[in-house]
Amino acid sequence: MAISKKNTNSADVSGGWFDGMLESTGELIGGIYDDAVDITKDVASGWFESQKAARESANPEDNRTPEPAQTPNGQPLQQGFSLSNPYVIGGGVGLLLLVVLVLMLKE
């Protein structure tokens, strides 16, 4: 009495039309999933690239026009320290006289 190793289960559908349908459905779903993942990667990559480009183009240092500052009537402002200003000249002369006066009174 030899025991057969063949599966005698009636639910065994291997090799039938149902097995082919399951296999083709699995391949179809797998292909759809792969396409969806690829499309999602492309869309996400494009979005990140556009955000990076927008961030780089929004740099205020690159977008400023080099226009000099102006007064309300449109005259350009003097930038920096100017020795031709009469208050600077007067202050320098006054400071020099004060130093000379202190040195004269010290002796």
PDB file of N, CA and C in Angstrom:
ATOM      1  N   MET A   1       0.846  -1.158   0.000  1.00  0.00           N
ATOM      2  CA  MET A   1       0.000   0.000   0.000  1.00  0.00           C
ATOM      3  C   MET A   1       0.905   1.238   0.000  1.00  0.00           C
ATOM      4  N   ALA A   2       0.985   1.840  -1.109  1.00  0.00           N
ATOM      5  CA  ALA A   2       1.814   3.040  -1.263  1.00  0.00           C
ATOM      6  C   ALA A   2       0.917   4.270  -1.146  1.00  0.00           C
ATOM      7  N   ILE A   3       1.453   5.249  -0.436  1.00  0.00           N
ATOM      8  CA  ILE A   3       0.697   6.495  -0.251  1.00  0.00           C
ATOM      9  C   ILE A   3       1.112   7.470  -1.357  1.00  0.00           C
ATOM     10  N   SER A   4       0.153   7.955  -2.034  1.00  0.00           N
ATOM     11  CA  SER A   4       0.416   8.886  -3.132  1.00  0.00           C
ATOM     12  C   SER A   4       0.677  10.274  -2.570  1.00  0.00           C
ATOM     13  N   LYS A   5       1.675  10.967  -3.122  1.00  0.00           N
ATOM     14  CA  LYS A   5       1.998  12.314  -2.671  1.00  0.00           C
ATOM     15  C   LYS A   5       1.207  13.367  -3.437  1.00  0.00           C
ATOM     16  N   LYS A   6       0.377  12.933  -4.344  1.00  0.00           N
ATOM     17  CA  LYS A   6      -0.406  13.865  -5.122  1.00  0.00           C
ATOM     18  C   LYS A   6      -1.487  14.483  -4.246  1.00  0.00           C
ATOM     19  N   ASN A   7      -1.660  15.774  -4.411  1.00  0.00           N
ATOM     20  CA  ASN A   7      -2.660  16.491  -3.635  1.00  0.00           C
ATOM     21  C   ASN A   7      -4.038  16.132  -4.179  1.00  0.00           C
ATOM     22  N   THR A   8      -4.856  15.666  -3.303  1.00  0.00           N
ATOM     23  CA  THR A   8      -6.198  15.275  -3.741  1.00  0.00           C
ATOM     24  C   THR A   8      -7.238  16.283  -3.298  1.00  0.00           C
ATOM     25  N   ASN A   9      -6.780  17.425  -2.861  1.00  0.00           N
ATOM     26  CA  ASN A   9      -7.703  18.458  -2.405  1.00  0.00           C
ATOM     27  C   ASN A   9      -8.487  18.980  -3.601  1.00  0.00           C
ATOM     28  N   SER A  10      -9.770  19.104  -3.447  1.00  0.00           N
ATOM     29  CA  SER A  10     -10.590  19.561  -4.557  1.00  0.00           C
ATOM     30  C   SER A  10     -10.435  21.066  -4.801  1.00  0.00           C
ATOM     31  N   ALA A  11      -9.820  21.793  -3.864  1.00  0.00           N
ATOM     32  CA  ALA A  11      -9.621  23.227  -4.024  1.00  0.00           C
ATOM     33  C   ALA A  11      -8.365  23.525  -4.834  1.00  0.00           C
ATOM     34  N   ASP A  12      -7.624  22.493  -5.217  1.00  0.00           N
ATOM     35  CA  ASP A  12      -6.416  22.683  -6.002  1.00  0.00           C
ATOM     36  C   ASP A  12      -6.804  23.074  -7.421  1.00  0.00           C
ATOM     37  N   VAL A  13      -6.383  24.291  -7.831  1.00  0.00           N
ATOM     38  CA  VAL A  13      -6.768  24.781  -9.146  1.00  0.00           C
ATOM     39  C   VAL A  13      -5.546  25.022 -10.014  1.00  0.00           C
ATOM     40  N   SER A  14      -4.412  24.475  -9.646  1.00  0.00           N
ATOM     41  CA  SER A  14      -3.191  24.751 -10.395  1.00  0.00           C
ATOM     42  C   SER A  14      -3.321  24.224 -11.806  1.00  0.00           C
ATOM     43  N   GLY A  15      -2.891  25.029 -12.750  1.00  0.00           N
ATOM     44  CA  GLY A  15      -2.911  24.608 -14.136  1.00  0.00           C
ATOM     45  C   GLY A  15      -4.214  24.883 -14.830  1.00  0.00           C
ATOM     46  N   GLY A  16      -5.210  25.377 -14.144  1.00  0.00           N
ATOM     47  CA  GLY A  16      -6.502  25.629 -14.774  1.00  0.00           C
ATOM     48  C   GLY A  16      -6.636  27.061 -15.254  1.00  0.00           C
ATOM     49  N   TRP A  17      -7.809  27.338 -15.750  1.00  0.00           N
ATOM     50  CA  TRP A  17      -8.073  28.683 -16.266  1.00  0.00           C
ATOM     51  C   TRP A  17      -8.041  29.719 -15.155  1.00  0.00           C
ATOM     52  N   PHE A  18      -8.443  29.324 -13.937  1.00  0.00           N
ATOM     53  CA  PHE A  18      -8.461  30.242 -12.806  1.00  0.00           C
ATOM     54  C   PHE A  18      -7.035  30.661 -12.439  1.00  0.00           C
ATOM     55  N   ASP A  19      -6.095  29.721 -12.503  1.00  0.00           N
ATOM     56  CA  ASP A  19      -4.692  30.018 -12.211  1.00  0.00           C
ATOM     57  C   ASP A  19      -4.142  31.014 -13.229  1.00  0.00           C
ATOM     58  N   GLY A  20      -4.479  30.842 -14.488  1.00  0.00           N
ATOM     59  CA  GLY A  20      -4.035  31.779 -15.522  1.00  0.00           C
ATOM     60  C   GLY A  20      -4.609  33.170 -15.305  1.00  0.00           C
ATOM     61  N   MET A  21      -5.866  33.207 -14.876  1.00  0.00           N
ATOM     62  CA  MET A  21      -6.498  34.500 -14.620  1.00  0.00           C
ATOM     63  C   MET A  21      -5.834  35.196 -13.432  1.00  0.00           C
ATOM     64  N   LEU A  22      -5.541  34.449 -12.378  1.00  0.00           N
ATOM     65  CA  LEU A  22      -4.866  35.036 -11.215  1.00  0.00           C
ATOM     66  C   LEU A  22      -3.476  35.543 -11.594  1.00  0.00           C
ATOM     67  N   GLU A  23      -2.779  34.779 -12.384  1.00  0.00           N
ATOM     68  CA  GLU A  23      -1.426  35.166 -12.775  1.00  0.00           C
ATOM     69  C   GLU A  23      -1.446  36.434 -13.626  1.00  0.00           C
ATOM     70  N   SER A  24      -2.347  36.483 -14.604  1.00  0.00           N
ATOM     71  CA  SER A  24      -2.397  37.672 -15.473  1.00  0.00           C
ATOM     72  C   SER A  24      -2.902  38.889 -14.698  1.00  0.00           C
ATOM     73  N   THR A  25      -3.816  38.695 -13.757  1.00  0.00           N
ATOM     74  CA  THR A  25      -4.298  39.805 -12.927  1.00  0.00           C
ATOM     75  C   THR A  25      -3.176  40.323 -12.037  1.00  0.00           C
ATOM     76  N   GLY A  26      -2.394  39.426 -11.480  1.00  0.00           N
ATOM     77  CA  GLY A  26      -1.254  39.830 -10.649  1.00  0.00           C
ATOM     78  C   GLY A  26      -0.220  40.600 -11.444  1.00  0.00           C
ATOM     79  N   GLU A  27       0.044  40.137 -12.674  1.00  0.00           N
ATOM     80  CA  GLU A  27       0.998  40.860 -13.515  1.00  0.00           C
ATOM     81  C   GLU A  27       0.451  42.237 -13.886  1.00  0.00           C
ATOM     82  N   LEU A  28      -0.854  42.326 -14.152  1.00  0.00           N
ATOM     83  CA  LEU A  28      -1.472  43.600 -14.494  1.00  0.00           C
ATOM     84  C   LEU A  28      -1.387  44.574 -13.320  1.00  0.00           C
ATOM     85  N   ILE A  29      -1.722  44.092 -12.138  1.00  0.00           N
ATOM     86  CA  ILE A  29      -1.658  44.946 -10.947  1.00  0.00           C
ATOM     87  C   ILE A  29      -0.215  45.355 -10.659  1.00  0.00           C
ATOM     88  N   GLY A  30       0.717  44.436 -10.815  1.00  0.00           N
ATOM     89  CA  GLY A  30       2.128  44.758 -10.613  1.00  0.00           C
ATOM     90  C   GLY A  30       2.613  45.810 -11.597  1.00  0.00           C
ATOM     91  N   GLY A  31       2.184  45.695 -12.865  1.00  0.00           N
ATOM     92  CA  GLY A  31       2.562  46.695 -13.868  1.00  0.00           C
ATOM     93  C   GLY A  31       1.973  48.052 -13.570  1.00  0.00           C
ATOM     94  N   ILE A  32       0.713  48.073 -13.142  1.00  0.00           N
ATOM     95  CA  ILE A  32       0.070  49.343 -12.776  1.00  0.00           C
ATOM     96  C   ILE A  32       0.783  49.966 -11.585  1.00  0.00           C
ATOM     97  N   TYR A  33       1.144  49.149 -10.607  1.00  0.00           N
ATOM     98  CA  TYR A  33       1.859  49.657  -9.431  1.00  0.00           C
ATOM     99  C   TYR A  33       3.219  50.232  -9.823  1.00  0.00           C
ATOM    100  N   ASP A  34       3.956  49.517 -10.672  1.00  0.00           N
ATOM    101  CA  ASP A  34       5.267  50.009 -11.115  1.00  0.00           C
ATOM    102  C   ASP A  34       5.141  51.328 -11.864  1.00  0.00           C
ATOM    103  N   ASP A  35       4.125  51.426 -12.738  1.00  0.00           N
ATOM    104  CA  ASP A  35       3.909  52.677 -13.471  1.00  0.00           C
ATOM    105  C   ASP A  35       3.548  53.818 -12.525  1.00  0.00           C
ATOM    106  N   ALA A  36       2.698  53.520 -11.550  1.00  0.00           N
ATOM    107  CA  ALA A  36       2.297  54.553 -10.599  1.00  0.00           C
ATOM    108  C   ALA A  36       3.497  55.036  -9.788  1.00  0.00           C
ATOM    109  N   VAL A  37       4.368  54.126  -9.377  1.00  0.00           N
ATOM    110  CA  VAL A  37       5.562  54.511  -8.618  1.00  0.00           C
ATOM    111  C   VAL A  37       6.486  55.357  -9.486  1.00  0.00           C
ATOM    112  N   ASP A  38       6.680  54.965 -10.736  1.00  0.00           N
ATOM    113  CA  ASP A  38       7.545  55.737 -11.635  1.00  0.00           C
ATOM    114  C   ASP A  38       6.989  57.136 -11.885  1.00  0.00           C
ATOM    115  N   ILE A  39       5.689  57.225 -12.129  1.00  0.00           N
ATOM    116  CA  ILE A  39       5.067  58.526 -12.369  1.00  0.00           C
ATOM    117  C   ILE A  39       5.168  59.396 -11.123  1.00  0.00           C
ATOM    118  N   THR A  40       4.933  58.803  -9.949  1.00  0.00           N
ATOM    119  CA  THR A  40       5.024  59.561  -8.701  1.00  0.00           C
ATOM    120  C   THR A  40       6.434  60.084  -8.478  1.00  0.00           C
ATOM    121  N   LYS A  41       7.439  59.255  -8.767  1.00  0.00           N
ATOM    122  CA  LYS A  41       8.825  59.708  -8.617  1.00  0.00           C
ATOM    123  C   LYS A  41       9.126  60.856  -9.560  1.00  0.00           C
ATOM    124  N   ASP A  42       8.659  60.765 -10.801  1.00  0.00           N
ATOM    125  CA  ASP A  42       8.896  61.835 -11.774  1.00  0.00           C
ATOM    126  C   ASP A  42       8.205  63.128 -11.365  1.00  0.00           C
ATOM    127  N   VAL A  43       6.963  63.018 -10.915  1.00  0.00           N
ATOM    128  CA  VAL A  43       6.215  64.202 -10.507  1.00  0.00           C
ATOM    129  C   VAL A  43       6.854  64.836  -9.277  1.00  0.00           C
ATOM    130  N   ALA A  44       7.220  64.018  -8.294  1.00  0.00           N
ATOM    131  CA  ALA A  44       7.844  64.547  -7.076  1.00  0.00           C
ATOM    132  C   ALA A  44       9.185  65.191  -7.398  1.00  0.00           C
ATOM    133  N   SER A  45       9.964  64.560  -8.249  1.00  0.00           N
ATOM    134  CA  SER A  45      11.260  65.122  -8.632  1.00  0.00           C
ATOM    135  C   SER A  45      11.074  66.460  -9.346  1.00  0.00           C
ATOM    136  N   GLY A  46      10.119  66.535 -10.240  1.00  0.00           N
ATOM    137  CA  GLY A  46       9.835  67.789 -10.938  1.00  0.00           C
ATOM    138  C   GLY A  46       9.371  68.876  -9.989  1.00  0.00           C
ATOM    139  N   TRP A  47       8.544  68.510  -9.030  1.00  0.00           N
ATOM    140  CA  TRP A  47       8.055  69.491  -8.064  1.00  0.00           C
ATOM    141  C   TRP A  47       9.199  70.013  -7.212  1.00  0.00           C
ATOM    142  N   PHE A  48      10.070  69.114  -6.742  1.00  0.00           N
ATOM    143  CA  PHE A  48      11.201  69.552  -5.922  1.00  0.00           C
ATOM    144  C   PHE A  48      12.146  70.436  -6.728  1.00  0.00           C
ATOM    145  N   GLU A  49      12.350  70.116  -7.995  1.00  0.00           N
ATOM    146  CA  GLU A  49      13.219  70.943  -8.841  1.00  0.00           C
ATOM    147  C   GLU A  49      12.605  72.329  -9.050  1.00  0.00           C
ATOM    148  N   SER A  50      11.288  72.390  -9.249  1.00  0.00           N
ATOM    149  CA  SER A  50      10.650  73.693  -9.442  1.00  0.00           C
ATOM    150  C   SER A  50      10.695  74.513  -8.158  1.00  0.00           C
ATOM    151  N   GLN A  51      10.544  73.863  -7.013  1.00  0.00           N
ATOM    152  CA  GLN A  51      10.647  74.583  -5.747  1.00  0.00           C
ATOM    153  C   GLN A  51      12.065  75.099  -5.523  1.00  0.00           C
ATOM    154  N   LYS A  52      13.053  74.300  -5.906  1.00  0.00           N
ATOM    155  CA  LYS A  52      14.440  74.729  -5.774  1.00  0.00           C
ATOM    156  C   LYS A  52      14.718  75.922  -6.674  1.00  0.00           C
ATOM    157  N   ALA A  53      14.231  75.872  -7.903  1.00  0.00           N
ATOM    158  CA  ALA A  53      14.420  76.989  -8.836  1.00  0.00           C
ATOM    159  C   ALA A  53      13.711  78.243  -8.337  1.00  0.00           C
ATOM    160  N   ALA A  54      12.517  78.090  -7.782  1.00  0.00           N
ATOM    161  CA  ALA A  54      11.784  79.241  -7.259  1.00  0.00           C
ATOM    162  C   ALA A  54      12.505  79.836  -6.062  1.00  0.00           C
ATOM    163  N   ARG A  55      13.052  78.978  -5.214  1.00  0.00           N
ATOM    164  CA  ARG A  55      13.778  79.468  -4.039  1.00  0.00           C
ATOM    165  C   ARG A  55      15.043  80.209  -4.457  1.00  0.00           C
ATOM    166  N   GLU A  56      15.743  79.684  -5.463  1.00  0.00           N
ATOM    167  CA  GLU A  56      16.970  80.344  -5.910  1.00  0.00           C
ATOM    168  C   GLU A  56      16.669  81.651  -6.638  1.00  0.00           C
ATOM    169  N   SER A  57      15.562  81.709  -7.373  1.00  0.00           N
ATOM    170  CA  SER A  57      15.239  82.942  -8.085  1.00  0.00           C
ATOM    171  C   SER A  57      14.646  83.986  -7.152  1.00  0.00           C
ATOM    172  N   ALA A  58      14.229  83.590  -5.965  1.00  0.00           N
ATOM    173  CA  ALA A  58      13.655  84.538  -5.014  1.00  0.00           C
ATOM    174  C   ALA A  58      14.715  85.176  -4.134  1.00  0.00           C
ATOM    175  N   ASN A  59      15.983  84.911  -4.389  1.00  0.00           N
ATOM    176  CA  ASN A  59      17.061  85.498  -3.612  1.00  0.00           C
ATOM    177  C   ASN A  59      17.058  87.009  -3.828  1.00  0.00           C
ATOM    178  N   PRO A  60      16.813  87.814  -2.781  1.00  0.00           N
ATOM    179  CA  PRO A  60      16.698  89.253  -2.982  1.00  0.00           C
ATOM    180  C   PRO A  60      17.994  89.902  -3.475  1.00  0.00           C
ATOM    181  N   GLU A  61      19.128  89.330  -3.131  1.00  0.00           N
ATOM    182  CA  GLU A  61      20.383  89.920  -3.572  1.00  0.00           C
ATOM    183  C   GLU A  61      20.533  89.824  -5.085  1.00  0.00           C
ATOM    184  N   ASP A  62      19.995  88.771  -5.685  1.00  0.00           N
ATOM    185  CA  ASP A  62      20.088  88.617  -7.126  1.00  0.00           C
ATOM    186  C   ASP A  62      19.047  89.444  -7.868  1.00  0.00           C
ATOM    187  N   ASN A  63      17.930  89.751  -7.217  1.00  0.00           N
ATOM    188  CA  ASN A  63      16.836  90.425  -7.895  1.00  0.00           C
ATOM    189  C   ASN A  63      16.828  91.934  -7.697  1.00  0.00           C
ATOM    190  N   ARG A  64      17.683  92.456  -6.856  1.00  0.00           N
ATOM    191  CA  ARG A  64      17.706  93.897  -6.631  1.00  0.00           C
ATOM    192  C   ARG A  64      18.403  94.594  -7.781  1.00  0.00           C
ATOM    193  N   THR A  65      17.817  95.702  -8.200  1.00  0.00           N
ATOM    194  CA  THR A  65      18.485  96.516  -9.205  1.00  0.00           C
ATOM    195  C   THR A  65      19.412  97.482  -8.487  1.00  0.00           C
ATOM    196  N   PRO A  66      20.589  97.706  -8.988  1.00  0.00           N
ATOM    197  CA  PRO A  66      21.541  98.571  -8.278  1.00  0.00           C
ATOM    198  C   PRO A  66      21.229 100.053  -8.481  1.00  0.00           C
ATOM    199  N   GLU A  67      20.112 100.503  -7.934  1.00  0.00           N
ATOM    200  CA  GLU A  67      19.749 101.908  -8.005  1.00  0.00           C
ATOM    201  C   GLU A  67      20.183 102.587  -6.719  1.00  0.00           C
ATOM    202  N   PRO A  68      20.780 103.759  -6.822  1.00  0.00           N
ATOM    203  CA  PRO A  68      21.188 104.463  -5.603  1.00  0.00           C
ATOM    204  C   PRO A  68      19.970 104.975  -4.839  1.00  0.00           C
ATOM    205  N   ALA A  69      20.127 105.129  -3.548  1.00  0.00           N
ATOM    206  CA  ALA A  69      19.044 105.652  -2.723  1.00  0.00           C
ATOM    207  C   ALA A  69      18.761 107.091  -3.117  1.00  0.00           C
ATOM    208  N   GLN A  70      17.487 107.498  -3.002  1.00  0.00           N
ATOM    209  CA  GLN A  70      17.092 108.834  -3.420  1.00  0.00           C
ATOM    210  C   GLN A  70      16.333 109.537  -2.316  1.00  0.00           C
ATOM    211  N   THR A  71      16.427 110.861  -2.324  1.00  0.00           N
ATOM    212  CA  THR A  71      15.632 111.678  -1.424  1.00  0.00           C
ATOM    213  C   THR A  71      14.223 111.759  -1.989  1.00  0.00           C
ATOM    214  N   PRO A  72      13.263 112.282  -1.221  1.00  0.00           N
ATOM    215  CA  PRO A  72      11.899 112.379  -1.736  1.00  0.00           C
ATOM    216  C   PRO A  72      11.769 113.201  -3.020  1.00  0.00           C
ATOM    217  N   ASN A  73      12.666 114.160  -3.254  1.00  0.00           N
ATOM    218  CA  ASN A  73      12.567 114.947  -4.484  1.00  0.00           C
ATOM    219  C   ASN A  73      13.343 114.315  -5.638  1.00  0.00           C
ATOM    220  N   GLY A  74      13.927 113.140  -5.456  1.00  0.00           N
ATOM    221  CA  GLY A  74      14.581 112.419  -6.532  1.00  0.00           C
ATOM    222  C   GLY A  74      16.086 112.564  -6.603  1.00  0.00           C
ATOM    223  N   GLN A  75      16.661 113.372  -5.736  1.00  0.00           N
ATOM    224  CA  GLN A  75      18.115 113.539  -5.742  1.00  0.00           C
ATOM    225  C   GLN A  75      18.775 112.318  -5.109  1.00  0.00           C
ATOM    226  N   PRO A  76      19.887 111.844  -5.677  1.00  0.00           N
ATOM    227  CA  PRO A  76      20.565 110.689  -5.062  1.00  0.00           C
ATOM    228  C   PRO A  76      21.204 111.076  -3.737  1.00  0.00           C
ATOM    229  N   LEU A  77      21.172 110.149  -2.799  1.00  0.00           N
ATOM    230  CA  LEU A  77      21.766 110.371  -1.484  1.00  0.00           C
ATOM    231  C   LEU A  77      23.278 110.186  -1.554  1.00  0.00           C
ATOM    232  N   GLN A  78      23.999 110.941  -0.757  1.00  0.00           N
ATOM    233  CA  GLN A  78      25.444 110.772  -0.640  1.00  0.00           C
ATOM    234  C   GLN A  78      25.692 109.543   0.229  1.00  0.00           C
ATOM    235  N   GLN A  79      26.433 108.606  -0.290  1.00  0.00           N
ATOM    236  CA  GLN A  79      26.739 107.386   0.456  1.00  0.00           C
ATOM    237  C   GLN A  79      28.140 107.504   1.032  1.00  0.00           C
ATOM    238  N   GLY A  80      28.315 107.063   2.260  1.00  0.00           N
ATOM    239  CA  GLY A  80      29.631 107.064   2.873  1.00  0.00           C
ATOM    240  C   GLY A  80      29.923 108.371   3.602  1.00  0.00           C
ATOM    241  N   PHE A  81      31.151 108.491   4.035  1.00  0.00           N
ATOM    242  CA  PHE A  81      31.595 109.642   4.819  1.00  0.00           C
ATOM    243  C   PHE A  81      32.267 110.644   3.898  1.00  0.00           C
ATOM    244  N   SER A  82      31.795 111.878   3.926  1.00  0.00           N
ATOM    245  CA  SER A  82      32.340 112.909   3.043  1.00  0.00           C
ATOM    246  C   SER A  82      33.022 113.984   3.881  1.00  0.00           C
ATOM    247  N   LEU A  83      34.271 114.308   3.572  1.00  0.00           N
ATOM    248  CA  LEU A  83      34.998 115.340   4.302  1.00  0.00           C
ATOM    249  C   LEU A  83      34.658 116.737   3.814  1.00  0.00           C
ATOM    250  N   SER A  84      33.873 116.850   2.759  1.00  0.00           N
ATOM    251  CA  SER A  84      33.513 118.169   2.247  1.00  0.00           C
ATOM    252  C   SER A  84      32.290 118.752   2.963  1.00  0.00           C
ATOM    253  N   ASN A  85      31.714 118.003   3.868  1.00  0.00           N
ATOM    254  CA  ASN A  85      30.564 118.481   4.617  1.00  0.00           C
ATOM    255  C   ASN A  85      31.032 119.605   5.556  1.00  0.00           C
ATOM    256  N   PRO A  86      30.359 120.752   5.579  1.00  0.00           N
ATOM    257  CA  PRO A  86      30.816 121.871   6.417  1.00  0.00           C
ATOM    258  C   PRO A  86      30.781 121.548   7.912  1.00  0.00           C
ATOM    259  N   TYR A  87      29.874 120.700   8.340  1.00  0.00           N
ATOM    260  CA  TYR A  87      29.825 120.352   9.762  1.00  0.00           C
ATOM    261  C   TYR A  87      31.044 119.511  10.162  1.00  0.00           C
ATOM    262  N   VAL A  88      31.486 118.652   9.267  1.00  0.00           N
ATOM    263  CA  VAL A  88      32.672 117.842   9.545  1.00  0.00           C
ATOM    264  C   VAL A  88      33.903 118.740   9.619  1.00  0.00           C
ATOM    265  N   ILE A  89      34.007 119.666   8.693  1.00  0.00           N
ATOM    266  CA  ILE A  89      35.151 120.584   8.699  1.00  0.00           C
ATOM    267  C   ILE A  89      35.132 121.444   9.960  1.00  0.00           C
ATOM    268  N   GLY A  90      33.978 121.981  10.318  1.00  0.00           N
ATOM    269  CA  GLY A  90      33.866 122.817  11.523  1.00  0.00           C
ATOM    270  C   GLY A  90      34.164 122.030  12.780  1.00  0.00           C
ATOM    271  N   GLY A  91      33.684 120.796  12.843  1.00  0.00           N
ATOM    272  CA  GLY A  91      33.964 119.961  14.012  1.00  0.00           C
ATOM    273  C   GLY A  91      35.439 119.649  14.137  1.00  0.00           C
ATOM    274  N   GLY A  92      36.104 119.371  13.003  1.00  0.00           N
ATOM    275  CA  GLY A  92      37.543 119.087  13.025  1.00  0.00           C
ATOM    276  C   GLY A  92      38.343 120.296  13.492  1.00  0.00           C
ATOM    277  N   VAL A  93      37.981 121.495  13.000  1.00  0.00           N
ATOM    278  CA  VAL A  93      38.675 122.720  13.414  1.00  0.00           C
ATOM    279  C   VAL A  93      38.441 122.980  14.893  1.00  0.00           C
ATOM    280  N   GLY A  94      37.213 122.793  15.371  1.00  0.00           N
ATOM    281  CA  GLY A  94      36.913 123.007  16.792  1.00  0.00           C
ATOM    282  C   GLY A  94      37.672 122.046  17.676  1.00  0.00           C
ATOM    283  N   LEU A  95      37.773 120.781  17.255  1.00  0.00           N
ATOM    284  CA  LEU A  95      38.510 119.785  18.031  1.00  0.00           C
ATOM    285  C   LEU A  95      40.002 120.123  18.070  1.00  0.00           C
ATOM    286  N   LEU A  96      40.531 120.567  16.948  1.00  0.00           N
ATOM    287  CA  LEU A  96      41.947 120.965  16.896  1.00  0.00           C
ATOM    288  C   LEU A  96      42.215 122.147  17.822  1.00  0.00           C
ATOM    289  N   LEU A  97      41.332 123.164  17.835  1.00  0.00           N
ATOM    290  CA  LEU A  97      41.494 124.305  18.733  1.00  0.00           C
ATOM    291  C   LEU A  97      41.402 123.881  20.193  1.00  0.00           C
ATOM    292  N   LEU A  98      40.527 122.942  20.506  1.00  0.00           N
ATOM    293  CA  LEU A  98      40.388 122.455  21.879  1.00  0.00           C
ATOM    294  C   LEU A  98      41.645 121.727  22.331  1.00  0.00           C
ATOM    295  N   VAL A  99      42.228 120.922  21.470  1.00  0.00           N
ATOM    296  CA  VAL A  99      43.460 120.206  21.811  1.00  0.00           C
ATOM    297  C   VAL A  99      44.602 121.202  22.021  1.00  0.00           C
ATOM    298  N   VAL A 100      44.718 122.206  21.156  1.00  0.00           N
ATOM    299  CA  VAL A 100      45.765 123.224  21.295  1.00  0.00           C
ATOM    300  C   VAL A 100      45.568 123.994  22.592  1.00  0.00           C
ATOM    301  N   LEU A 101      44.358 124.354  22.927  1.00  0.00           N
ATOM    302  CA  LEU A 101      44.054 125.086  24.167  1.00  0.00           C
ATOM    303  C   LEU A 101      44.419 124.251  25.391  1.00  0.00           C
ATOM    304  N   VAL A 102      44.086 122.954  25.393  1.00  0.00           N
ATOM    305  CA  VAL A 102      44.416 122.071  26.533  1.00  0.00           C
ATOM    306  C   VAL A 102      45.927 121.956  26.659  1.00  0.00           C
ATOM    307  N   LEU A 103      46.643 121.820  25.552  1.00  0.00           N
ATOM    308  CA  LEU A 103      48.114 121.696  25.604  1.00  0.00           C
ATOM    309  C   LEU A 103      48.763 122.995  26.091  1.00  0.00           C
ATOM    310  N   MET A 104      48.205 124.150  25.725  1.00  0.00           N
ATOM    311  CA  MET A 104      48.761 125.429  26.171  1.00  0.00           C
ATOM    312  C   MET A 104      48.533 125.646  27.652  1.00  0.00           C
ATOM    313  N   LEU A 105      47.369 125.248  28.163  1.00  0.00           N
ATOM    314  CA  LEU A 105      47.060 125.446  29.583  1.00  0.00           C
ATOM    315  C   LEU A 105      47.752 124.424  30.461  1.00  0.00           C
ATOM    316  N   LYS A 106      48.156 123.320  29.919  1.00  0.00           N
ATOM    317  CA  LYS A 106      48.821 122.254  30.670  1.00  0.00           C
ATOM    318  C   LYS A 106      50.216 122.707  31.081  1.00  0.00           C
ATOM    319  N   GLU A 107      50.909 123.524  30.330  1.00  0.00           N
ATOM    320  CA  GLU A 107      52.278 123.937  30.648  1.00  0.00           C
ATOM    321  C   GLU A 107      52.255 124.931  31.699  1.00  0.00           C
TER     322      GLU A 107
END
